[in-house]
Amino acid sequence: QVRLVESGGGLVQAGGSLRLSCAASEIIFSIYTMAWYRQAPGKQRELVATITSGGSTNYAASVKDRFTISRDNAKNTVYLQMNSLKPEDTAVYYCNARYSGIYYEYDYWGQGTQVTVSS
């Protein structure tokens, strides 16, 4: 059974840093595009950052230059380093694994981890 388990969330003051981790199991991790999404109360889930199987990254404008996504294929883990955190970064952060092949598509989600940034 595929599992994505996030960790590293918590409460931090504005200007602080956190590093989220997402450990994947039962998938061929290296071929998946990994992503972090977030959902704040009363808002839609939004894409934060992605990293392809080849290591290419992309960021939402609101986090660019503050957040860094990375992956360790040997550990089946994707990370989100979050620096210079702002109260508006407060949300539940979700890990996503997606693979689109010729015949199949796979899309998996973690359970989420809460990040709260106090002002």
Protein backbone atom coordinates (compact mmCIF):
# COMPACT_ATOMS: atom_id res chain seq x y z
CA GLN A 1 0.00 0.00 0.00
CA VAL A 2 1.39 3.37 -1.02
CA ARG A 3 2.07 5.73 1.84
CA LEU A 4 3.28 9.32 1.95
CA VAL A 5 4.08 10.45 5.46
CA GLU A 6 4.81 14.10 6.13
CA SER A 7 6.67 15.39 9.15
CA GLY A 8 8.37 18.53 10.37
CA GLY A 9 5.43 20.85 10.78
CA GLY A 10 4.89 22.95 13.86
CA LEU A 11 4.63 26.41 15.32
CA VAL A 12 7.26 29.00 14.44
CA GLN A 13 7.58 32.75 14.73
CA ALA A 14 7.57 34.96 11.67
CA GLY A 15 11.01 35.05 10.10
CA GLY A 16 11.81 31.56 11.29
CA SER A 17 12.44 28.35 9.38
CA LEU A 18 11.06 24.85 9.17
CA ARG A 19 11.95 21.83 7.09
CA LEU A 20 9.19 19.48 6.04
CA SER A 21 9.88 15.90 5.03
CA CYS A 22 7.74 13.43 3.14
CA ALA A 23 8.74 9.79 3.17
CA ALA A 24 7.24 7.59 0.48
CA SER A 25 6.83 3.84 0.51
CA GLU A 26 5.65 1.23 -1.97
CA ILE A 27 6.31 3.38 -5.04
CA ILE A 28 9.22 3.66 -7.45
CA PHE A 29 9.99 7.03 -5.95
CA SER A 30 12.59 8.14 -8.46
CA ILE A 31 10.16 8.25 -11.39
CA TYR A 32 7.56 10.37 -9.64
CA THR A 33 7.14 14.11 -9.77
CA MET A 34 6.89 15.20 -6.17
CA ALA A 35 5.12 18.28 -4.96
CA TRP A 36 4.10 20.20 -1.89
CA TYR A 37 0.67 21.78 -1.67
CA ARG A 38 -0.89 23.77 1.12
CA GLN A 39 -4.38 24.63 2.25
CA ALA A 40 -5.18 27.46 4.61
CA PRO A 41 -8.51 27.62 6.47
CA GLY A 42 -11.30 28.71 4.15
CA LYS A 43 -9.06 28.63 1.09
CA GLN A 44 -8.47 26.24 -1.77
CA ARG A 45 -5.49 23.95 -1.83
CA GLU A 46 -2.64 25.57 -3.72
CA LEU A 47 0.55 24.31 -5.27
CA VAL A 48 3.67 25.41 -3.42
CA ALA A 49 6.54 23.67 -5.20
CA THR A 50 7.31 20.76 -7.49
CA ILE A 51 10.37 18.70 -8.33
CA THR A 52 10.47 16.37 -11.28
CA SER A 53 12.17 13.01 -11.51
CA GLY A 54 15.01 14.80 -13.24
CA GLY A 55 15.35 17.36 -10.47
CA SER A 56 13.76 20.37 -12.15
CA THR A 57 11.97 22.60 -9.69
CA ASN A 58 9.16 25.09 -9.84
CA TYR A 59 7.71 27.39 -7.19
CA ALA A 60 4.65 29.46 -6.52
CA ALA A 61 5.44 33.15 -6.77
CA SER A 62 4.51 33.64 -3.11
CA VAL A 63 7.28 31.32 -1.88
CA LYS A 64 9.96 31.76 -4.51
CA ASP A 65 13.33 32.67 -3.01
CA ARG A 66 12.13 31.62 0.46
CA PHE A 67 11.30 27.92 0.01
CA THR A 68 13.45 25.17 -1.49
CA ILE A 69 12.19 21.77 -2.58
CA SER A 70 14.63 18.87 -2.85
CA ARG A 71 14.56 15.11 -3.03
CA ASP A 72 16.71 12.19 -1.95
CA ASN A 73 15.88 9.22 -4.12
CA ALA A 74 18.01 6.91 -1.99
CA LYS A 75 15.78 7.70 0.99
CA ASN A 76 12.50 7.97 -0.95
CA THR A 77 12.04 11.36 0.63
CA VAL A 78 11.18 14.85 -0.56
CA TYR A 79 11.88 17.94 1.50
CA LEU A 80 10.62 21.48 1.70
CA GLN A 81 12.97 23.93 3.36
CA MET A 82 10.98 26.98 4.38
CA ASN A 83 12.83 30.14 5.37
CA SER A 84 11.69 33.66 6.22
CA LEU A 85 8.28 32.32 7.13
CA LYS A 86 5.32 34.67 7.18
CA PRO A 87 1.95 34.39 8.95
CA GLU A 88 0.34 33.91 5.54
CA ASP A 89 2.33 30.68 5.15
CA THR A 90 0.14 29.16 7.86
CA ALA A 91 -1.61 26.13 6.38
CA VAL A 92 -1.75 22.38 6.29
CA TYR A 93 1.01 21.23 3.96
CA TYR A 94 0.45 18.15 1.84
CA CYS A 95 2.90 15.97 -0.03
CA ASN A 96 1.91 14.72 -3.48
CA ALA A 97 3.41 12.06 -5.73
CA ARG A 98 2.36 11.94 -9.37
CA TYR A 99 3.34 9.79 -12.29
CA SER A 100 1.88 10.07 -15.76
CA GLY A 101 2.83 7.27 -18.11
CA ILE A 102 1.61 6.21 -21.52
CA TYR A 103 -0.95 3.83 -20.08
CA TYR A 104 -1.24 4.72 -16.44
CA GLU A 105 -1.49 7.69 -14.14
CA TYR A 106 -0.82 7.55 -10.43
CA ASP A 107 -1.56 10.28 -7.92
CA TYR A 108 -0.98 9.92 -4.18
CA TRP A 109 -1.37 12.26 -1.22
CA GLY A 110 -0.09 12.38 2.29
CA GLN A 111 -2.22 13.16 5.32
CA GLY A 112 -0.81 16.65 5.78
CA THR A 113 1.22 18.44 8.41
CA GLN A 114 0.23 21.68 10.09
CA VAL A 115 2.49 24.72 9.81
CA THR A 116 1.57 27.71 11.95
CA VAL A 117 3.51 30.97 11.73
CA SER A 118 2.88 33.47 14.49
CA SER A 119 3.34 37.20 14.02
